[in-house]
C-alpha atoms as a PDB file:
ATOM      1  CA  MET A   1     111.974  83.305  51.135  1.00  0.00           C
ATOM      2  CA  ASN A   2     108.358  82.675  51.690  1.00  0.00           C
ATOM      3  CA  LEU A   3     107.389  84.322  54.919  1.00  0.00           C
ATOM      4  CA  ARG A   4     105.034  81.104  55.521  1.00  0.00           C
ATOM      5  CA  GLN A   5     108.285  79.972  56.483  1.00  0.00           C
ATOM      6  CA  ILE A   6     109.420  82.196  59.028  1.00  0.00           C
ATOM      7  CA  ASP A   7     109.662  80.750  62.695  1.00  0.00           C
ATOM      8  CA  ILE A   8     108.544  84.079  64.281  1.00  0.00           C
ATOM      9  CA  TYR A   9     107.977  81.806  67.901  1.00  0.00           C
ATOM     10  CA  PRO A  10     111.605  81.647  69.029  1.00  0.00           C
ATOM     11  CA  TRP A  11     112.568  85.194  67.884  1.00  0.00           C
ATOM     12  CA  LEU A  12     109.083  86.742  69.793  1.00  0.00           C
ATOM     13  CA  CYS A  13     110.093  84.736  73.148  1.00  0.00           C
ATOM     14  CA  GLN A  14     113.641  85.955  73.043  1.00  0.00           C
ATOM     15  CA  HIS A  15     112.105  89.399  72.142  1.00  0.00           C
ATOM     16  CA  LEU A  16     109.618  89.279  75.005  1.00  0.00           C
ATOM     17  CA  GLN A  17     113.027  88.053  77.269  1.00  0.00           C
ATOM     18  CA  HIS A  18     115.351  90.081  76.288  1.00  0.00           C
ATOM     19  CA  ASP A  19     116.684  91.616  80.123  1.00  0.00           C
ATOM     20  CA  GLU A  20     117.183  95.698  80.211  1.00  0.00           C
ATOM     21  CA  PRO A  21     119.987  97.257  81.518  1.00  0.00           C
ATOM     22  CA  LEU A  22     119.020  98.086  85.420  1.00  0.00           C
ATOM     23  CA  SER A  23     118.800 101.446  86.976  1.00  0.00           C
ATOM     24  CA  GLY A  24     117.995 102.034  90.269  1.00  0.00           C
ATOM     25  CA  GLN A  25     118.708  99.527  93.413  1.00  0.00           C
ATOM     26  CA  PRO A  26     121.705  97.718  93.159  1.00  0.00           C
ATOM     27  CA  ASN A  27     121.902  93.957  92.064  1.00  0.00           C
ATOM     28  CA  ALA A  28     122.568  90.891  94.072  1.00  0.00           C
ATOM     29  CA  ASP A  29     126.247  90.155  94.136  1.00  0.00           C
ATOM     30  CA  LEU A  30     126.015  86.424  93.229  1.00  0.00           C
ATOM     31  CA  ASP A  31     130.176  85.890  95.194  1.00  0.00           C
ATOM     32  CA  SER A  32     128.289  87.056  98.621  1.00  0.00           C
ATOM     33  CA  LEU A  33     125.554  84.311  97.555  1.00  0.00           C
ATOM     34  CA  ARG A  34     126.941  81.161  96.471  1.00  0.00           C
ATOM     35  CA  PRO A  35     128.501  80.016 100.062  1.00  0.00           C
ATOM     36  CA  VAL A  36     125.029  81.154 101.649  1.00  0.00           C
ATOM     37  CA  LEU A  37     122.514  79.129  99.197  1.00  0.00           C
ATOM     38  CA  ARG A  38     121.366  75.441  99.908  1.00  0.00           C
ATOM     39  CA  PRO A  39     119.448  73.276  98.330  1.00  0.00           C
ATOM     40  CA  CYS A  40     115.938  73.857  97.809  1.00  0.00           C
ATOM     41  CA  ASP A  41     116.251  77.440  98.677  1.00  0.00           C
ATOM     42  CA  VAL A  42     113.970  79.836  96.461  1.00  0.00           C
ATOM     43  CA  LEU A  43     115.373  82.485  94.336  1.00  0.00           C
ATOM     44  CA  LEU A  44     112.747  85.212  94.022  1.00  0.00           C
ATOM     45  CA  VAL A  45     113.812  87.441  90.427  1.00  0.00           C
ATOM     46  CA  SER A  46     113.038  90.558  89.110  1.00  0.00           C
ATOM     47  CA  GLY A  47     114.547  91.242  85.827  1.00  0.00           C
ATOM     48  CA  HIS A  48     113.389  93.758  83.529  1.00  0.00           C
ATOM     49  CA  SER A  49     112.782  92.044  80.508  1.00  0.00           C
ATOM     50  CA  ARG A  50     108.807  92.622  79.072  1.00  0.00           C
ATOM     51  CA  VAL A  51     107.771  89.420  80.733  1.00  0.00           C
ATOM     52  CA  ASP A  52     109.351  90.196  84.015  1.00  0.00           C
ATOM     53  CA  ARG A  53     107.561  93.098  84.110  1.00  0.00           C
ATOM     54  CA  THR A  54     104.530  91.755  83.193  1.00  0.00           C
ATOM     55  CA  PHE A  55     104.969  89.180  86.181  1.00  0.00           C
ATOM     56  CA  LYS A  56     105.155  91.750  88.434  1.00  0.00           C
ATOM     57  CA  ALA A  57     102.159  93.495  87.325  1.00  0.00           C
ATOM     58  CA  ILE A  58      99.807  90.098  88.371  1.00  0.00           C
ATOM     59  CA  SER A  59     101.459  89.136  91.328  1.00  0.00           C
ATOM     60  CA  ASP A  60     101.592  93.146  92.624  1.00  0.00           C
ATOM     61  CA  SER A  61     105.615  92.481  93.956  1.00  0.00           C
ATOM     62  CA  ARG A  62     109.147  93.739  93.278  1.00  0.00           C
ATOM     63  CA  PHE A  63     109.470  90.111  92.021  1.00  0.00           C
ATOM     64  CA  ALA A  64     108.870  88.549  88.785  1.00  0.00           C
ATOM     65  CA  ARG A  65     109.274  85.126  89.501  1.00  0.00           C
ATOM     66  CA  ALA A  66     110.489  82.082  91.482  1.00  0.00           C
ATOM     67  CA  VAL A  67     113.108  79.801  90.969  1.00  0.00           C
ATOM     68  CA  LEU A  68     114.251  76.711  92.656  1.00  0.00           C
ATOM     69  CA  TYR A  69     118.292  76.486  93.484  1.00  0.00           C
ATOM     70  CA  ILE A  70     119.332  72.769  93.260  1.00  0.00           C
ATOM     71  CA  GLY A  71     123.014  73.091  94.411  1.00  0.00           C
ATOM     72  CA  ARG A  72     125.636  71.337  93.095  1.00  0.00           C
ATOM     73  CA  LEU A  73     126.043  68.070  91.569  1.00  0.00           C
ATOM     74  CA  HIS A  74     126.944  66.130  95.056  1.00  0.00           C
ATOM     75  CA  ASP A  75     124.289  67.973  96.477  1.00  0.00           C
ATOM     76  CA  VAL A  76     121.708  65.643  94.999  1.00  0.00           C
ATOM     77  CA  ALA A  77     122.074  62.106  96.792  1.00  0.00           C
ATOM     78  CA  ASP A  78     120.255  60.095  93.715  1.00  0.00           C
ATOM     79  CA  PRO A  79     122.838  59.230  91.217  1.00  0.00           C
ATOM     80  CA  THR A  80     120.124  58.661  88.660  1.00  0.00           C
ATOM     81  CA  LEU A  81     119.195  62.028  88.899  1.00  0.00           C
ATOM     82  CA  ARG A  82     122.697  63.443  89.519  1.00  0.00           C
ATOM     83  CA  ALA A  83     123.481  61.929  85.687  1.00  0.00           C
ATOM     84  CA  LEU A  84     120.585  63.107  84.578  1.00  0.00           C
ATOM     85  CA  LEU A  85     121.334  66.612  85.349  1.00  0.00           C
ATOM     86  CA  ALA A  86     124.679  66.247  83.945  1.00  0.00           C
ATOM     87  CA  ASP A  87     122.920  65.191  80.196  1.00  0.00           C
ATOM     88  CA  TYR A  88     120.751  68.465  80.788  1.00  0.00           C
ATOM     89  CA  THR A  89     123.825  70.583  81.229  1.00  0.00           C
ATOM     90  CA  PRO A  90     127.070  69.268  81.282  1.00  0.00           C
ATOM     91  CA  CYS A  91     128.844  71.173  83.803  1.00  0.00           C
ATOM     92  CA  GLU A  92     132.155  71.074  86.749  1.00  0.00           C
ATOM     93  CA  PRO A  93     131.115  68.893  89.527  1.00  0.00           C
ATOM     94  CA  ASP A  94     131.193  72.829  91.580  1.00  0.00           C
ATOM     95  CA  THR A  95     129.105  74.338  89.568  1.00  0.00           C
ATOM     96  CA  GLN A  96     125.810  75.835  91.149  1.00  0.00           C
ATOM     97  CA  LEU A  97     122.500  75.091  89.295  1.00  0.00           C
ATOM     98  CA  VAL A  98     118.961  76.136  89.428  1.00  0.00           C
ATOM     99  CA  ILE A  99     115.677  75.651  87.604  1.00  0.00           C
ATOM    100  CA  ASP A 100     114.751  77.990  85.410  1.00  0.00           C
ATOM    101  CA  THR A 101     112.002  78.130  82.501  1.00  0.00           C
ATOM    102  CA  ARG A 102     112.162  79.425  79.195  1.00  0.00           C
ATOM    103  CA  LEU A 103     109.237  80.861  77.317  1.00  0.00           C
ATOM    104  CA  GLU A 104     110.784  78.466  74.233  1.00  0.00           C
ATOM    105  CA  ARG A 105     112.140  75.586  75.898  1.00  0.00           C
ATOM    106  CA  GLY A 106     110.305  74.968  78.843  1.00  0.00           C
ATOM    107  CA  LEU A 107     111.621  73.805  82.310  1.00  0.00           C
ATOM    108  CA  THR A 108     115.578  73.713  81.973  1.00  0.00           C
ATOM    109  CA  VAL A 109     118.879  73.310  84.326  1.00  0.00           C
ATOM    110  CA  GLN A 110     121.093  76.346  84.291  1.00  0.00           C
ATOM    111  CA  PRO A 111     123.825  77.456  85.889  1.00  0.00           C
ATOM    112  CA  LEU A 112     123.270  80.117  88.683  1.00  0.00           C
ATOM    113  CA  THR A 113     125.433  82.726  86.844  1.00  0.00           C
ATOM    114  CA  THR A 114     122.399  83.026  83.995  1.00  0.00           C
ATOM    115  CA  LEU A 115     120.825  85.409  87.113  1.00  0.00           C
ATOM    116  CA  GLU A 116     123.980  87.195  87.187  1.00  0.00           C
ATOM    117  CA  GLY A 117     123.044  91.283  87.000  1.00  0.00           C
ATOM    118  CA  ARG A 118     119.251  90.770  88.423  1.00  0.00           C
ATOM    119  CA  GLN A 119     117.766  91.387  91.906  1.00  0.00           C
ATOM    120  CA  LEU A 120     117.424  88.007  94.035  1.00  0.00           C
ATOM    121  CA  ARG A 121     115.519  87.390  97.161  1.00  0.00           C
ATOM    122  CA  VAL A 122     116.175  84.030  98.596  1.00  0.00           C
ATOM    123  CA  CYS A 123     113.715  82.192 100.848  1.00  0.00           C
ATOM    124  CA  ARG A 124     114.452  79.588 102.262  1.00  0.00           C
ATOM    125  CA  PRO A 125     112.258  76.622 103.609  1.00  0.00           C
ATOM    126  CA  GLN A 126     112.321  76.233 107.568  1.00  0.00           C
ATOM    127  CA  GLY A 127     112.335  72.403 109.119  1.00  0.00           C
ATOM    128  CA  LEU A 128     112.469  70.904 106.356  1.00  0.00           C
ATOM    129  CA  SER A 129     114.633  67.596 107.083  1.00  0.00           C
ATOM    130  CA  GLU A 130     117.403  65.890 104.753  1.00  0.00           C
ATOM    131  CA  GLN A 131     115.031  63.204 102.957  1.00  0.00           C
ATOM    132  CA  GLU A 132     112.213  66.155 102.666  1.00  0.00           C
ATOM    133  CA  THR A 133     115.010  67.923 100.881  1.00  0.00           C
ATOM    134  CA  GLN A 134     116.288  65.235  98.511  1.00  0.00           C
ATOM    135  CA  ASP A 135     112.385  64.787  97.700  1.00  0.00           C
ATOM    136  CA  VAL A 136     111.795  68.278  96.410  1.00  0.00           C
ATOM    137  CA  LEU A 137     114.371  67.802  94.275  1.00  0.00           C
ATOM    138  CA  ARG A 138     113.747  64.547  92.774  1.00  0.00           C
ATOM    139  CA  PHE A 139     109.915  66.029  92.234  1.00  0.00           C
ATOM    140  CA  ALA A 140     111.406  69.173  90.472  1.00  0.00           C
ATOM    141  CA  ILE A 141     114.186  67.097  88.458  1.00  0.00           C
ATOM    142  CA  SER A 142     111.897  64.842  87.171  1.00  0.00           C
ATOM    143  CA  ARG A 143     110.096  67.415  85.751  1.00  0.00           C
ATOM    144  CA  ILE A 144     112.917  69.167  83.648  1.00  0.00           C
ATOM    145  CA  GLY A 145     111.766  69.476  79.891  1.00  0.00           C
ATOM    146  CA  GLY A 146     107.873  69.850  81.197  1.00  0.00           C
ATOM    147  CA  ALA A 147     105.987  72.918  79.735  1.00  0.00           C
ATOM    148  CA  SER A 148     107.934  72.901  76.891  1.00  0.00           C
ATOM    149  CA  VAL A 149     104.789  73.084  73.901  1.00  0.00           C
ATOM    150  CA  ARG A 150     104.892  76.390  71.839  1.00  0.00           C
ATOM    151  CA  SER A 151     102.070  78.563  73.868  1.00  0.00           C
ATOM    152  CA  TRP A 152     100.696  81.286  71.127  1.00  0.00           C
ATOM    153  CA  PRO A 153      98.167  81.376  74.307  1.00  0.00           C
ATOM    154  CA  ALA A 154     100.774  81.756  76.612  1.00  0.00           C
ATOM    155  CA  LEU A 155     102.256  84.978  74.647  1.00  0.00           C
ATOM    156  CA  PHE A 156      98.716  86.602  74.361  1.00  0.00           C
ATOM    157  CA  MET A 157      98.453  86.387  77.746  1.00  0.00           C
ATOM    158  CA  LEU A 158     101.904  88.241  78.312  1.00  0.00           C
ATOM    159  CA  THR A 159     101.754  90.770  75.605  1.00  0.00           C
ATOM    160  CA  LEU A 160      97.870  91.696  75.070  1.00  0.00           C
ATOM    161  CA  MET A 161      96.004  91.301  78.078  1.00  0.00           C
ATOM    162  CA  PRO A 162      95.348  94.322  79.964  1.00  0.00           C
ATOM    163  CA  TRP A 163      96.955  93.421  83.080  1.00  0.00           C
ATOM    164  CA  ARG A 164      97.831  97.260  84.656  1.00  0.00           C
ATOM    165  CA  TRP A 165      93.957  98.350  83.819  1.00  0.00           C
ATOM    166  CA  LEU A 166      92.726  95.319  86.363  1.00  0.00           C
ATOM    167  CA  THR A 167      93.177  95.661  90.315  1.00  0.00           C
ATOM    168  CA  PRO A 168      95.523  93.309  91.997  1.00  0.00           C
ATOM    169  CA  ARG A 169      92.743  91.107  92.967  1.00  0.00           C
ATOM    170  CA  TRP A 170      91.616  90.471  89.968  1.00  0.00           C
ATOM    171  CA  ARG A 171      95.024  90.338  87.937  1.00  0.00           C
ATOM    172  CA  SER A 172      95.942  87.553  90.863  1.00  0.00           C
ATOM    173  CA  ARG A 173      92.484  85.635  89.998  1.00  0.00           C
ATOM    174  CA  LEU A 174      92.573  85.354  86.303  1.00  0.00           C
ATOM    175  CA  PHE A 175      96.502  84.406  86.360  1.00  0.00           C
ATOM    176  CA  ARG A 176      95.775  81.491  88.733  1.00  0.00           C
ATOM    177  CA  ARG A 177      92.518  80.516  87.017  1.00  0.00           C
ATOM    178  CA  TRP A 178      93.608  80.900  83.493  1.00  0.00           C
ATOM    179  CA  ALA A 179      97.322  80.263  83.093  1.00  0.00           C
ATOM    180  CA  GLY A 180      99.074  77.495  81.315  1.00  0.00           C
ATOM    181  CA  ASP A 181     101.667  75.129  81.786  1.00  0.00           C
ATOM    182  CA  VAL A 182     104.305  77.523  80.314  1.00  0.00           C
ATOM    183  CA  LEU A 183     103.152  80.578  82.639  1.00  0.00           C
ATOM    184  CA  LYS A 184     103.021  78.449  85.562  1.00  0.00           C
ATOM    185  CA  ALA A 185     106.264  77.287  84.891  1.00  0.00           C
ATOM    186  CA  LEU A 186     107.355  80.642  84.316  1.00  0.00           C
ATOM    187  CA  SER A 187     105.691  81.869  87.394  1.00  0.00           C
ATOM    188  CA  GLY A 188     107.214  79.516  89.372  1.00  0.00           C
ATOM    189  CA  THR A 189     104.701  76.954  90.254  1.00  0.00           C
ATOM    190  CA  LEU A 190     107.354  73.726  89.829  1.00  0.00           C
ATOM    191  CA  ALA A 191     108.711  75.037  92.974  1.00  0.00           C
ATOM    192  CA  GLY A 192     105.170  75.346  94.690  1.00  0.00           C
ATOM    193  CA  ASP A 193     104.248  71.994  93.779  1.00  0.00           C
ATOM    194  CA  ALA A 194     107.806  70.392  94.669  1.00  0.00           C
ATOM    195  CA  PHE A 195     106.880  71.276  98.439  1.00  0.00           C
ATOM    196  CA  SER A 196     103.587  70.448  98.104  1.00  0.00           C
ATOM    197  CA  PHE A 197     104.640  67.013  97.320  1.00  0.00           C
ATOM    198  CA  VAL A 198     106.273  66.606 100.271  1.00  0.00           C
ATOM    199  CA  GLN A 199     103.549  68.093 102.434  1.00  0.00           C
ATOM    200  CA  PHE A 200     105.464  71.360 103.205  1.00  0.00           C
ATOM    201  CA  PRO A 201     103.054  74.090 103.225  1.00  0.00           C
ATOM    202  CA  VAL A 202     103.530  77.546 101.004  1.00  0.00           C
ATOM    203  CA  LEU A 203     100.400  79.406 101.731  1.00  0.00           C
ATOM    204  CA  PRO A 204      99.582  79.733 105.341  1.00  0.00           C
ATOM    205  CA  LEU A 205      97.022  77.108 106.542  1.00  0.00           C
ATOM    206  CA  VAL A 206      93.205  77.198 106.955  1.00  0.00           C
ATOM    207  CA  LYS A 207      91.475  75.923 110.214  1.00  0.00           C
ATOM    208  CA  GLU A 208      88.497  74.203 109.405  1.00  0.00           C
ATOM    209  CA  ASN A 209      85.694  74.486 112.153  1.00  0.00           C
ATOM    210  CA  GLY A 210      84.613  71.364 112.655  1.00  0.00           C
ATOM    211  CA  THR A 211      84.503  68.536 115.475  1.00  0.00           C
ATOM    212  CA  PRO A 212      87.538  68.107 115.922  1.00  0.00           C
ATOM    213  CA  PRO A 213      89.119  71.100 113.839  1.00  0.00           C
ATOM    214  CA  ARG A 214      91.009  70.391 111.053  1.00  0.00           C
ATOM    215  CA  LEU A 215      93.895  72.388 108.806  1.00  0.00           C
ATOM    216  CA  LEU A 216      94.060  72.457 105.092  1.00  0.00           C
ATOM    217  CA  ARG A 217      97.222  73.538 103.325  1.00  0.00           C
ATOM    218  CA  LEU A 218      96.505  75.317 100.179  1.00  0.00           C
ATOM    219  CA  GLN A 219      97.056  74.331  97.223  1.00  0.00           C
ATOM    220  CA  PRO A 220      96.518  77.185  94.166  1.00  0.00           C
ATOM    221  CA  ARG A 221      96.434  76.406  90.557  1.00  0.00           C
ATOM    222  CA  ALA A 222      99.893  78.594  90.082  1.00  0.00           C
ATOM    223  CA  PHE A 223     102.541  79.500  92.624  1.00  0.00           C
ATOM    224  CA  ILE A 224     103.932  83.259  91.966  1.00  0.00           C
ATOM    225  CA  ALA A 225     106.735  84.699  93.554  1.00  0.00           C
ATOM    226  CA  ALA A 226     104.842  86.799  96.118  1.00  0.00           C
ATOM    227  CA  ASP A 227     103.347  83.572  97.752  1.00  0.00           C
ATOM    228  CA  PHE A 228     107.161  82.538  98.669  1.00  0.00           C
ATOM    229  CA  ASP A 229     107.854  85.970  99.311  1.00  0.00           C
ATOM    230  CA  HIS A 230     104.918  86.087 102.047  1.00  0.00           C
ATOM    231  CA  SER A 231     105.258  82.973 103.043  1.00  0.00           C
ATOM    232  CA  PRO A 232     105.358  82.489 107.040  1.00  0.00           C
ATOM    233  CA  TYR A 233     106.954  78.979 106.271  1.00  0.00           C
ATOM    234  CA  PHE A 234     109.741  80.483 104.430  1.00  0.00           C
ATOM    235  CA  GLU A 235     113.112  82.649 105.837  1.00  0.00           C
ATOM    236  CA  ILE A 236     114.099  85.820 103.678  1.00  0.00           C
ATOM    237  CA  ILE A 237     118.147  85.073 103.628  1.00  0.00           C
ATOM    238  CA  LYS A 238     120.651  88.256 102.878  1.00  0.00           C
ATOM    239  CA  ALA A 239     124.105  88.267 102.055  1.00  0.00           C
ATOM    240  CA  PRO A 240     126.440  91.161 102.659  1.00  0.00           C
ATOM    241  CA  PHE A 241     127.946  92.963  99.102  1.00  0.00           C
ATOM    242  CA  GLN A 242     129.901  96.043  98.694  1.00  0.00           C
ATOM    243  CA  MET A 243     128.307  97.915  95.571  1.00  0.00           C
ATOM    244  CA  ARG A 244     131.320  99.116  92.918  1.00  0.00           C
ATOM    245  CA  ALA A 245     129.734 101.725  91.731  1.00  0.00           C
ATOM    246  CA  VAL A 246     127.532 104.480  93.050  1.00  0.00           C
ATOM    247  CA  PRO A 247     123.841 104.497  91.629  1.00  0.00           C
ATOM    248  CA  ALA A 248     122.739 107.238  89.503  1.00  0.00           C
ATOM    249  CA  GLY A 249     121.018 110.069  91.637  1.00  0.00           C
ATOM    250  CA  MET A 250     122.759 108.977  95.130  1.00  0.00           C
ATOM    251  CA  ASP A 251     125.397 110.730  96.662  1.00  0.00           C
ATOM    252  CA  THR A 252     127.908 109.351  99.074  1.00  0.00           C
ATOM    253  CA  LEU A 253     129.269 110.465 102.639  1.00  0.00           C
ATOM    254  CA  PRO A 254     132.574 108.765 104.472  1.00  0.00           C
ATOM    255  CA  TRP A 255     131.631 105.815 106.709  1.00  0.00           C
ATOM    256  CA  LYS A 256     131.494 106.469 110.421  1.00  0.00           C
ATOM    257  CA  GLY A 257     128.937 104.617 111.628  1.00  0.00           C
ATOM    258  CA  ASN A 258     128.292 101.365 114.170  1.00  0.00           C
ATOM    259  CA  GLN A 259     131.522  98.931 112.782  1.00  0.00           C
ATOM    260  CA  SER A 260     129.606  95.626 114.252  1.00  0.00           C
ATOM    261  CA  ALA A 261     127.201  96.271 110.954  1.00  0.00           C
ATOM    262  CA  LEU A 262     130.642  95.246 108.764  1.00  0.00           C
ATOM    263  CA  ALA A 263     131.448  91.996 110.538  1.00  0.00           C
ATOM    264  CA  PRO A 264     129.912  89.578 108.439  1.00  0.00           C
ATOM    265  CA  GLU A 265     131.499  91.418 105.170  1.00  0.00           C
ATOM    266  CA  ARG A 266     134.878  91.557 107.457  1.00  0.00           C
ATOM    267  CA  GLN A 267     134.081  87.610 107.767  1.00  0.00           C
ATOM    268  CA  ARG A 268     133.327  86.744 103.959  1.00  0.00           C
ATOM    269  CA  HIS A 269     136.222  88.842 103.030  1.00  0.00           C
ATOM    270  CA  LEU A 270     138.723  87.030 105.222  1.00  0.00           C
ATOM    271  CA  SER A 271     136.639  83.340 103.954  1.00  0.00           C
ATOM    272  CA  LEU A 272     138.023  84.449 100.505  1.00  0.00           C
ATOM    273  CA  VAL A 273     141.433  85.531 101.329  1.00  0.00           C
ATOM    274  CA  ASP A 274     142.105  82.398 103.110  1.00  0.00           C
ATOM    275  CA  THR A 275     140.522  80.282  99.829  1.00  0.00           C
ATOM    276  CA  ALA A 276     142.720  82.242  97.385  1.00  0.00           C
ATOM    277  CA  GLN A 277     146.120  81.313  99.670  1.00  0.00           C
ATOM    278  CA  ASP A 278     144.859  77.527  99.780  1.00  0.00           C
ATOM    279  CA  LYS A 279     144.303  77.503  95.841  1.00  0.00           C
ATOM    280  CA  HIS A 280     147.748  78.498  95.684  1.00  0.00           C
END
């Protein structure tokens, strides 16, 4: 076969996005997260691929990128958008969906289960109305399929730029200024733009000293996971979960602590038992 006919772009994208096995901190428990999630929640993903490690260095954060949670099909009020989602990703009515990004495919709709095995943090916008929630979903769903153009400059920035040699300040500045559509989509700019569409701030407001004074909403060229993590307008949601194995390098002791700390876990267990009984 002629080497010129070999398309190395998809192979290189797969190689850069291959998630390596995790060691150390436990992964998120999707079974615990499922009943907690709401449409328009932002999921911060801490993966372990080369792409994710690069984004962590750029943002100086433990989280690599931001993913917008859509919910189930019935959570989308517009029937046209529901049909569009079903065309993009054939799924069951109760399948929970997110808008994620792949280097080789751009913005795509994926089941929540594709985030299995990763560390997650849930950021929830505070005070978002039902109409604003639907507007955010409409904006985000209408962008599905975007940023799908092959971008060799994006691969260059992810693989050859010496990000770790730069100061955190310059990493963020260079990325926000020079990142193309693919890198912006990967970092979580879609979610930031969707909230900006309904005039919901992600970054803190700025007060302009005028007469009268005005509040200004910051609009960066690219949003990163740290923007949602540090935002005063997003609440951090935590779900209880049980670890099924002892992480390497840790010891165990019998639990003799405050039993009230286990109340959410007991409630979740009872809910799961009731659900199983109803199915039978």
